[in-house]
Amino acid sequence: MKDKRKFRIGQTVRVNLNHRLKVDYDEHNYRRIKRSLEWGIVTETNDLVLAVITGVKLFQEGRYYAGSSGSVFEPYYYESGYLEVKQSIDAWGVRTGYKNKEIYFFEEDITKVDDKFTTDNFGNKVMLEDGLNIPYLYTGWTSHARKRLSEDSKTFPRDSKGRWT
């Protein structure tokens, strides 16, 4: 039997946070797995960030049937909902920080880090050791974003005591 693993748990990789996966339902209750940017850390650029592989999850696509909970006349009639599976997809789970939630990606959206030295999420040059180079908590704030927010906050209206209004 062939080993399917391209990555190993604890391996340091780079990912584009704009390519994470989301489960979505269309108007016909068909469940699909797709790339989405509707939740989590929103990045303005397509910069790759350091992450560590934490595992694999199986996502299933197909039609969802809601079922029913009975009625007043037949209170004991109950039919549970179910998913008619059409396709299964393996997705790799990664974390960008030790306290961050696991984010899922397709295999083609993950890049191995092969060089011995790299830059971490904050621009510092570090020597790579598997799983040890990610921060304790990754917030997604870059120095450019911090500087821009600092400049923008100077234009916010203030009251006589200097508090924002």
N, C-alpha and C. Protein backbone atom coordinates (compact mmCIF):
# COMPACT_ATOMS: atom_id res chain seq x y z
N MET A 1 0.83 -1.18 0.00
CA MET A 1 0.00 0.00 0.00
C MET A 1 0.88 1.25 0.00
N LYS A 2 0.57 2.19 -0.86
CA LYS A 2 1.37 3.40 -1.00
C LYS A 2 1.05 4.40 0.11
N ASP A 3 2.09 5.03 0.63
CA ASP A 3 1.92 6.05 1.66
C ASP A 3 1.52 7.36 1.00
N LYS A 4 0.38 7.95 1.38
CA LYS A 4 -0.14 9.15 0.74
C LYS A 4 0.38 10.44 1.35
N ARG A 5 1.14 10.36 2.42
CA ARG A 5 1.54 11.57 3.13
C ARG A 5 2.58 12.37 2.36
N LYS A 6 2.25 13.60 2.08
CA LYS A 6 3.22 14.50 1.47
C LYS A 6 3.91 15.33 2.55
N PHE A 7 3.19 15.60 3.64
CA PHE A 7 3.72 16.35 4.77
C PHE A 7 3.67 15.47 6.01
N ARG A 8 4.37 15.88 7.04
CA ARG A 8 4.31 15.16 8.31
C ARG A 8 3.88 16.13 9.41
N ILE A 9 3.30 15.61 10.46
CA ILE A 9 2.83 16.45 11.56
C ILE A 9 4.02 17.12 12.22
N GLY A 10 3.91 18.42 12.44
CA GLY A 10 5.00 19.20 13.02
C GLY A 10 5.91 19.84 12.00
N GLN A 11 5.69 19.58 10.71
CA GLN A 11 6.54 20.15 9.67
C GLN A 11 6.18 21.62 9.46
N THR A 12 7.21 22.46 9.32
CA THR A 12 7.00 23.88 9.06
C THR A 12 6.78 24.09 7.57
N VAL A 13 5.70 24.80 7.23
CA VAL A 13 5.34 25.07 5.84
C VAL A 13 4.95 26.54 5.72
N ARG A 14 4.67 26.95 4.49
CA ARG A 14 4.14 28.30 4.24
C ARG A 14 2.79 28.17 3.55
N VAL A 15 1.83 29.02 3.96
CA VAL A 15 0.49 29.00 3.38
C VAL A 15 0.05 30.43 3.09
N ASN A 16 -0.86 30.55 2.12
CA ASN A 16 -1.51 31.82 1.82
C ASN A 16 -2.85 31.80 2.53
N LEU A 17 -3.06 32.69 3.49
CA LEU A 17 -4.28 32.68 4.29
C LEU A 17 -5.52 32.99 3.48
N ASN A 18 -5.36 33.51 2.26
CA ASN A 18 -6.51 33.79 1.41
C ASN A 18 -7.05 32.54 0.72
N HIS A 19 -6.40 31.39 0.91
CA HIS A 19 -6.81 30.16 0.23
C HIS A 19 -7.37 29.10 1.17
N ARG A 20 -7.81 29.48 2.37
CA ARG A 20 -8.32 28.47 3.30
C ARG A 20 -9.68 27.94 2.86
N LEU A 21 -10.08 26.80 3.42
CA LEU A 21 -11.28 26.11 2.97
C LEU A 21 -12.50 26.47 3.82
N LYS A 22 -13.66 26.37 3.20
CA LYS A 22 -14.92 26.63 3.87
C LYS A 22 -15.97 25.66 3.33
N VAL A 23 -16.85 25.19 4.21
CA VAL A 23 -17.98 24.36 3.79
C VAL A 23 -19.12 25.31 3.45
N ASP A 24 -19.70 25.16 2.26
CA ASP A 24 -20.74 26.08 1.80
C ASP A 24 -21.91 25.28 1.23
N TYR A 25 -23.13 25.78 1.44
CA TYR A 25 -24.34 25.15 0.90
C TYR A 25 -24.95 26.09 -0.14
N ASP A 26 -25.40 25.54 -1.27
CA ASP A 26 -26.06 26.37 -2.28
C ASP A 26 -27.58 26.35 -2.03
N GLU A 27 -28.35 26.92 -2.96
CA GLU A 27 -29.80 27.03 -2.78
C GLU A 27 -30.51 25.68 -2.84
N HIS A 28 -29.86 24.64 -3.34
CA HIS A 28 -30.46 23.30 -3.42
C HIS A 28 -29.94 22.39 -2.31
N ASN A 29 -29.38 22.99 -1.25
CA ASN A 29 -28.81 22.26 -0.12
C ASN A 29 -27.69 21.31 -0.53
N TYR A 30 -26.92 21.69 -1.55
CA TYR A 30 -25.77 20.89 -1.94
C TYR A 30 -24.55 21.42 -1.22
N ARG A 31 -23.86 20.56 -0.51
CA ARG A 31 -22.71 20.93 0.29
C ARG A 31 -21.44 20.86 -0.54
N ARG A 32 -20.67 21.96 -0.59
CA ARG A 32 -19.43 22.02 -1.35
C ARG A 32 -18.29 22.51 -0.46
N ILE A 33 -17.09 22.08 -0.78
CA ILE A 33 -15.89 22.54 -0.10
C ILE A 33 -15.18 23.47 -1.07
N LYS A 34 -14.93 24.72 -0.65
CA LYS A 34 -14.30 25.68 -1.56
C LYS A 34 -13.39 26.62 -0.79
N ARG A 35 -12.57 27.33 -1.53
CA ARG A 35 -11.71 28.35 -0.93
C ARG A 35 -12.56 29.57 -0.61
N SER A 36 -12.29 30.18 0.55
CA SER A 36 -13.12 31.31 0.95
C SER A 36 -12.32 32.29 1.78
N LEU A 37 -12.75 33.54 1.77
CA LEU A 37 -12.13 34.60 2.55
C LEU A 37 -13.16 35.30 3.43
N GLU A 38 -14.22 34.62 3.81
CA GLU A 38 -15.30 35.26 4.54
C GLU A 38 -15.14 35.24 6.04
N TRP A 39 -14.09 34.60 6.59
CA TRP A 39 -13.93 34.51 8.03
C TRP A 39 -12.45 34.49 8.36
N GLY A 40 -12.13 34.79 9.59
CA GLY A 40 -10.76 34.69 10.05
C GLY A 40 -9.92 35.89 9.70
N ILE A 41 -8.63 35.68 9.61
CA ILE A 41 -7.68 36.74 9.34
C ILE A 41 -7.76 37.13 7.87
N VAL A 42 -8.01 38.39 7.58
CA VAL A 42 -8.09 38.86 6.21
C VAL A 42 -6.75 39.53 5.88
N THR A 43 -6.08 39.07 4.86
CA THR A 43 -4.81 39.66 4.47
C THR A 43 -4.99 40.47 3.20
N GLU A 44 -4.29 41.59 3.13
CA GLU A 44 -4.38 42.45 1.95
C GLU A 44 -3.49 41.97 0.83
N THR A 45 -2.45 41.25 1.17
CA THR A 45 -1.50 40.76 0.16
C THR A 45 -1.58 39.25 0.10
N ASN A 46 -0.88 38.68 -0.84
CA ASN A 46 -0.82 37.23 -0.96
C ASN A 46 0.47 36.69 -0.37
N ASP A 47 0.98 37.34 0.68
CA ASP A 47 2.20 36.88 1.33
C ASP A 47 1.96 35.54 2.00
N LEU A 48 2.96 34.68 1.90
CA LEU A 48 2.89 33.37 2.56
C LEU A 48 3.36 33.53 4.00
N VAL A 49 2.66 32.89 4.93
CA VAL A 49 3.03 32.95 6.34
C VAL A 49 3.47 31.56 6.80
N LEU A 50 4.32 31.54 7.82
CA LEU A 50 4.78 30.28 8.38
C LEU A 50 3.63 29.60 9.12
N ALA A 51 3.58 28.30 9.01
CA ALA A 51 2.57 27.52 9.72
C ALA A 51 3.15 26.15 10.00
N VAL A 52 2.47 25.39 10.83
CA VAL A 52 2.91 24.04 11.14
C VAL A 52 1.77 23.08 10.84
N ILE A 53 2.10 21.95 10.25
CA ILE A 53 1.09 20.93 9.91
C ILE A 53 0.62 20.25 11.20
N THR A 54 -0.72 20.17 11.36
CA THR A 54 -1.27 19.53 12.56
C THR A 54 -2.08 18.29 12.25
N GLY A 55 -2.36 18.01 10.98
CA GLY A 55 -3.09 16.79 10.65
C GLY A 55 -3.87 16.91 9.36
N VAL A 56 -4.73 15.92 9.12
CA VAL A 56 -5.55 15.85 7.92
C VAL A 56 -7.00 15.66 8.35
N LYS A 57 -7.92 16.27 7.62
CA LYS A 57 -9.34 16.10 7.90
C LYS A 57 -10.05 15.72 6.61
N LEU A 58 -11.03 14.83 6.72
CA LEU A 58 -11.81 14.39 5.57
C LEU A 58 -13.09 15.23 5.50
N PHE A 59 -13.25 15.97 4.41
CA PHE A 59 -14.47 16.73 4.16
C PHE A 59 -15.30 15.98 3.13
N GLN A 60 -16.63 16.03 3.29
CA GLN A 60 -17.51 15.32 2.37
C GLN A 60 -18.44 16.30 1.67
N GLU A 61 -18.59 16.11 0.37
CA GLU A 61 -19.51 16.91 -0.44
C GLU A 61 -20.71 16.05 -0.81
N GLY A 62 -21.86 16.70 -0.98
CA GLY A 62 -23.06 15.98 -1.40
C GLY A 62 -24.31 16.75 -1.03
N ARG A 63 -25.46 16.14 -1.24
CA ARG A 63 -26.74 16.78 -0.98
C ARG A 63 -27.18 16.50 0.45
N TYR A 64 -27.61 17.56 1.14
CA TYR A 64 -28.08 17.45 2.52
C TYR A 64 -29.60 17.44 2.56
N TYR A 65 -30.16 16.45 3.25
CA TYR A 65 -31.60 16.33 3.46
C TYR A 65 -31.90 16.63 4.92
N ALA A 66 -32.80 17.59 5.17
CA ALA A 66 -33.00 18.11 6.51
C ALA A 66 -33.76 17.17 7.43
N GLY A 67 -34.69 16.39 6.94
CA GLY A 67 -35.49 15.54 7.80
C GLY A 67 -36.67 16.32 8.38
N SER A 68 -37.37 15.74 9.36
CA SER A 68 -38.52 16.42 9.96
C SER A 68 -38.63 16.03 11.42
N SER A 69 -39.37 16.84 12.17
CA SER A 69 -39.51 16.58 13.60
C SER A 69 -40.93 16.20 13.98
N GLY A 70 -41.74 15.80 13.02
CA GLY A 70 -43.11 15.39 13.34
C GLY A 70 -44.07 16.57 13.30
N SER A 71 -45.28 16.34 13.80
CA SER A 71 -46.30 17.40 13.83
C SER A 71 -47.13 17.23 15.09
N VAL A 72 -48.12 18.09 15.26
CA VAL A 72 -48.99 18.02 16.42
C VAL A 72 -49.79 16.72 16.41
N PHE A 73 -50.20 16.27 15.23
CA PHE A 73 -51.02 15.07 15.12
C PHE A 73 -50.20 13.78 15.21
N GLU A 74 -48.92 13.86 14.82
CA GLU A 74 -48.05 12.70 14.91
C GLU A 74 -46.77 13.10 15.65
N PRO A 75 -46.82 13.28 16.96
CA PRO A 75 -45.66 13.80 17.69
C PRO A 75 -44.49 12.83 17.75
N TYR A 76 -44.74 11.53 17.55
CA TYR A 76 -43.66 10.57 17.64
C TYR A 76 -42.99 10.29 16.30
N TYR A 77 -43.49 10.92 15.23
CA TYR A 77 -42.88 10.74 13.92
C TYR A 77 -41.64 11.63 13.85
N TYR A 78 -40.51 11.04 13.60
CA TYR A 78 -39.26 11.81 13.53
C TYR A 78 -38.38 11.20 12.46
N GLU A 79 -37.81 12.06 11.63
CA GLU A 79 -36.86 11.62 10.61
C GLU A 79 -35.63 12.51 10.72
N SER A 80 -34.48 11.91 10.97
CA SER A 80 -33.26 12.71 11.14
C SER A 80 -32.70 13.16 9.79
N GLY A 81 -31.96 14.26 9.80
CA GLY A 81 -31.30 14.74 8.59
C GLY A 81 -30.10 13.89 8.24
N TYR A 82 -29.71 13.91 6.98
CA TYR A 82 -28.55 13.14 6.57
C TYR A 82 -27.92 13.77 5.34
N LEU A 83 -26.68 13.37 5.07
CA LEU A 83 -25.91 13.86 3.93
C LEU A 83 -25.70 12.70 2.97
N GLU A 84 -26.13 12.87 1.73
CA GLU A 84 -25.89 11.88 0.68
C GLU A 84 -24.54 12.21 0.06
N VAL A 85 -23.51 11.47 0.42
CA VAL A 85 -22.14 11.80 0.06
C VAL A 85 -21.87 11.48 -1.40
N LYS A 86 -21.36 12.46 -2.13
CA LYS A 86 -20.97 12.28 -3.53
C LYS A 86 -19.45 12.19 -3.70
N GLN A 87 -18.72 12.91 -2.83
CA GLN A 87 -17.28 12.97 -2.97
C GLN A 87 -16.66 13.26 -1.61
N SER A 88 -15.46 12.72 -1.36
CA SER A 88 -14.71 13.00 -0.14
C SER A 88 -13.40 13.68 -0.52
N ILE A 89 -13.01 14.67 0.28
CA ILE A 89 -11.82 15.46 0.00
C ILE A 89 -10.95 15.50 1.25
N ASP A 90 -9.66 15.20 1.09
CA ASP A 90 -8.71 15.34 2.19
C ASP A 90 -8.19 16.77 2.20
N ALA A 91 -8.15 17.37 3.40
CA ALA A 91 -7.62 18.72 3.55
C ALA A 91 -6.61 18.71 4.69
N TRP A 92 -5.54 19.45 4.52
CA TRP A 92 -4.49 19.51 5.53
C TRP A 92 -4.82 20.60 6.53
N GLY A 93 -4.69 20.27 7.81
CA GLY A 93 -4.89 21.25 8.88
C GLY A 93 -3.56 21.85 9.28
N VAL A 94 -3.52 23.17 9.38
CA VAL A 94 -2.30 23.87 9.82
C VAL A 94 -2.67 24.89 10.89
N ARG A 95 -1.68 25.27 11.66
CA ARG A 95 -1.83 26.34 12.65
C ARG A 95 -0.75 27.38 12.37
N THR A 96 -1.13 28.66 12.46
CA THR A 96 -0.17 29.74 12.26
C THR A 96 0.42 30.21 13.58
N GLY A 97 -0.12 29.74 14.69
CA GLY A 97 0.38 30.05 16.02
C GLY A 97 -0.09 28.97 16.97
N TYR A 98 0.58 28.82 18.11
CA TYR A 98 0.22 27.75 19.03
C TYR A 98 -1.19 27.91 19.57
N LYS A 99 -1.65 29.15 19.78
CA LYS A 99 -2.99 29.37 20.32
C LYS A 99 -4.04 29.57 19.22
N ASN A 100 -3.62 29.61 17.96
CA ASN A 100 -4.56 29.82 16.86
C ASN A 100 -5.33 28.54 16.56
N LYS A 101 -6.52 28.73 15.98
CA LYS A 101 -7.33 27.58 15.58
C LYS A 101 -6.73 26.92 14.34
N GLU A 102 -7.10 25.68 14.15
CA GLU A 102 -6.64 24.95 12.98
C GLU A 102 -7.37 25.47 11.74
N ILE A 103 -6.63 25.69 10.67
CA ILE A 103 -7.18 26.16 9.40
C ILE A 103 -6.89 25.07 8.37
N TYR A 104 -7.82 24.85 7.46
CA TYR A 104 -7.69 23.76 6.49
C TYR A 104 -7.38 24.29 5.09
N PHE A 105 -6.51 23.55 4.37
CA PHE A 105 -6.07 23.93 3.04
C PHE A 105 -6.03 22.70 2.15
N PHE A 106 -6.19 22.93 0.83
CA PHE A 106 -5.91 21.88 -0.14
C PHE A 106 -4.40 21.66 -0.18
N GLU A 107 -3.99 20.47 -0.60
CA GLU A 107 -2.57 20.14 -0.64
C GLU A 107 -1.79 21.06 -1.57
N GLU A 108 -2.40 21.48 -2.68
CA GLU A 108 -1.68 22.33 -3.63
C GLU A 108 -1.49 23.76 -3.13
N ASP A 109 -2.17 24.15 -2.05
CA ASP A 109 -2.04 25.50 -1.50
C ASP A 109 -0.98 25.59 -0.41
N ILE A 110 -0.31 24.49 -0.11
CA ILE A 110 0.71 24.46 0.94
C ILE A 110 2.07 24.33 0.28
N THR A 111 3.02 25.14 0.73
CA THR A 111 4.37 25.14 0.19
C THR A 111 5.34 24.64 1.24
N LYS A 112 6.16 23.65 0.88
CA LYS A 112 7.19 23.18 1.80
C LYS A 112 8.26 24.25 1.95
N VAL A 113 8.84 24.32 3.13
CA VAL A 113 9.96 25.23 3.36
C VAL A 113 11.21 24.38 3.33
N ASP A 114 12.04 24.56 2.29
CA ASP A 114 13.20 23.71 2.10
C ASP A 114 14.51 24.34 2.58
N ASP A 115 14.58 25.68 2.59
CA ASP A 115 15.84 26.30 2.98
C ASP A 115 16.02 26.27 4.50
N LYS A 116 17.29 26.39 4.94
CA LYS A 116 17.60 26.29 6.36
C LYS A 116 17.24 27.57 7.11
N PHE A 117 17.35 28.72 6.44
CA PHE A 117 17.02 30.00 7.06
C PHE A 117 15.82 30.60 6.33
N THR A 118 14.95 31.24 7.07
CA THR A 118 13.78 31.88 6.49
C THR A 118 13.39 33.06 7.37
N THR A 119 12.36 33.78 6.98
CA THR A 119 11.85 34.86 7.82
C THR A 119 10.56 34.39 8.47
N ASP A 120 10.35 34.80 9.72
CA ASP A 120 9.12 34.41 10.38
C ASP A 120 7.99 35.35 9.98
N ASN A 121 6.84 35.24 10.63
CA ASN A 121 5.66 36.04 10.28
C ASN A 121 5.86 37.53 10.55
N PHE A 122 6.87 37.90 11.32
CA PHE A 122 7.09 39.29 11.65
C PHE A 122 8.31 39.87 10.95
N GLY A 123 8.89 39.13 9.99
CA GLY A 123 10.01 39.65 9.20
C GLY A 123 11.37 39.37 9.78
N ASN A 124 11.49 38.65 10.89
CA ASN A 124 12.78 38.35 11.50
C ASN A 124 13.40 37.12 10.83
N LYS A 125 14.73 37.14 10.63
CA LYS A 125 15.41 36.00 10.02
C LYS A 125 15.67 34.96 11.11
N VAL A 126 15.20 33.74 10.86
CA VAL A 126 15.34 32.67 11.85
C VAL A 126 15.84 31.40 11.17
N MET A 127 16.48 30.53 11.97
CA MET A 127 16.88 29.22 11.47
C MET A 127 15.71 28.27 11.68
N LEU A 128 15.39 27.50 10.68
CA LEU A 128 14.20 26.65 10.72
C LEU A 128 14.41 25.40 11.55
N GLU A 129 13.46 25.15 12.43
CA GLU A 129 13.33 23.88 13.12
C GLU A 129 11.86 23.53 13.03
N ASP A 130 11.55 22.30 12.71
CA ASP A 130 10.16 21.92 12.47
C ASP A 130 9.26 22.26 13.65
N GLY A 131 8.23 23.05 13.38
CA GLY A 131 7.20 23.36 14.35
C GLY A 131 7.58 24.37 15.40
N LEU A 132 8.85 24.79 15.47
CA LEU A 132 9.27 25.69 16.54
C LEU A 132 9.29 27.15 16.12
N ASN A 133 9.05 27.44 14.84
CA ASN A 133 9.20 28.79 14.36
C ASN A 133 7.91 29.58 14.30
N ILE A 134 6.80 28.99 14.64
CA ILE A 134 5.56 29.74 14.61
C ILE A 134 5.40 30.47 15.94
N PRO A 135 4.74 31.63 15.96
CA PRO A 135 4.60 32.38 17.21
C PRO A 135 3.58 31.73 18.14
N TYR A 136 3.55 32.20 19.37
CA TYR A 136 2.59 31.71 20.35
C TYR A 136 1.17 32.06 19.92
N LEU A 137 0.97 33.28 19.42
CA LEU A 137 -0.33 33.72 18.90
C LEU A 137 -0.07 34.58 17.68
N TYR A 138 -0.56 34.16 16.52
CA TYR A 138 -0.40 34.92 15.28
C TYR A 138 -1.63 35.78 15.08
N THR A 139 -1.43 37.10 14.99
CA THR A 139 -2.56 38.02 14.85
C THR A 139 -2.75 38.50 13.43
N GLY A 140 -1.76 38.35 12.57
CA GLY A 140 -1.88 38.82 11.21
C GLY A 140 -1.49 40.27 11.03
N TRP A 141 -1.09 40.93 12.11
CA TRP A 141 -0.70 42.34 12.01
C TRP A 141 0.73 42.44 11.51
N THR A 142 0.92 43.14 10.40
CA THR A 142 2.26 43.41 9.90
C THR A 142 2.66 44.81 10.33
N SER A 143 3.94 45.12 10.19
CA SER A 143 4.40 46.46 10.58
C SER A 143 3.75 47.52 9.70
N HIS A 144 3.49 47.19 8.42
CA HIS A 144 2.82 48.13 7.52
C HIS A 144 1.39 48.42 8.00
N ALA A 145 0.66 47.39 8.42
CA ALA A 145 -0.71 47.57 8.89
C ALA A 145 -0.74 48.36 10.20
N ARG A 146 0.20 48.09 11.09
CA ARG A 146 0.26 48.84 12.36
C ARG A 146 0.54 50.32 12.10
N LYS A 147 1.47 50.59 11.19
CA LYS A 147 1.82 51.98 10.89
C LYS A 147 0.64 52.71 10.26
N ARG A 148 -0.06 52.04 9.34
CA ARG A 148 -1.22 52.65 8.69
C ARG A 148 -2.34 52.95 9.68
N LEU A 149 -2.61 52.03 10.61
CA LEU A 149 -3.64 52.25 11.61
C LEU A 149 -3.25 53.38 12.56
N SER A 150 -1.97 53.47 12.88
CA SER A 150 -1.50 54.55 13.74
C SER A 150 -1.70 55.90 13.07
N GLU A 151 -1.40 55.97 11.78
CA GLU A 151 -1.60 57.22 11.04
C GLU A 151 -3.09 57.56 10.93
N ASP A 152 -3.93 56.56 10.69
CA ASP A 152 -5.37 56.80 10.58
C ASP A 152 -5.97 57.24 11.90
N SER A 153 -5.47 56.73 13.03
CA SER A 153 -6.05 57.07 14.33
C SER A 153 -5.79 58.51 14.72
N LYS A 154 -4.79 59.15 14.11
CA LYS A 154 -4.52 60.56 14.41
C LYS A 154 -5.61 61.48 13.87
N THR A 155 -6.36 60.99 12.88
CA THR A 155 -7.41 61.82 12.28
C THR A 155 -8.78 61.60 12.92
N PHE A 156 -8.89 60.67 13.88
CA PHE A 156 -10.18 60.42 14.52
C PHE A 156 -10.57 61.62 15.38
N PRO A 157 -11.86 61.99 15.41
CA PRO A 157 -12.27 63.13 16.24
C PRO A 157 -12.13 62.83 17.74
N ARG A 158 -11.76 63.87 18.49
CA ARG A 158 -11.54 63.71 19.94
C ARG A 158 -12.30 64.80 20.69
N ASP A 159 -12.61 64.52 21.97
CA ASP A 159 -13.27 65.52 22.80
C ASP A 159 -12.21 66.38 23.49
N SER A 160 -12.64 67.24 24.44
CA SER A 160 -11.73 68.19 25.08
C SER A 160 -10.66 67.49 25.94
N LYS A 161 -10.92 66.27 26.39
CA LYS A 161 -9.96 65.53 27.21
C LYS A 161 -9.07 64.62 26.37
N GLY A 162 -9.22 64.62 25.06
CA GLY A 162 -8.38 63.83 24.19
C GLY A 162 -8.88 62.43 23.92
N ARG A 163 -10.09 62.10 24.40
CA ARG A 163 -10.66 60.78 24.16
C ARG A 163 -11.33 60.74 22.81
N TRP A 164 -11.33 59.56 22.19
CA TRP A 164 -12.03 59.42 20.92
C TRP A 164 -13.53 59.52 21.13
N THR A 165 -14.20 60.21 20.19
CA THR A 165 -15.66 60.36 20.31
C THR A 165 -16.37 59.47 19.34
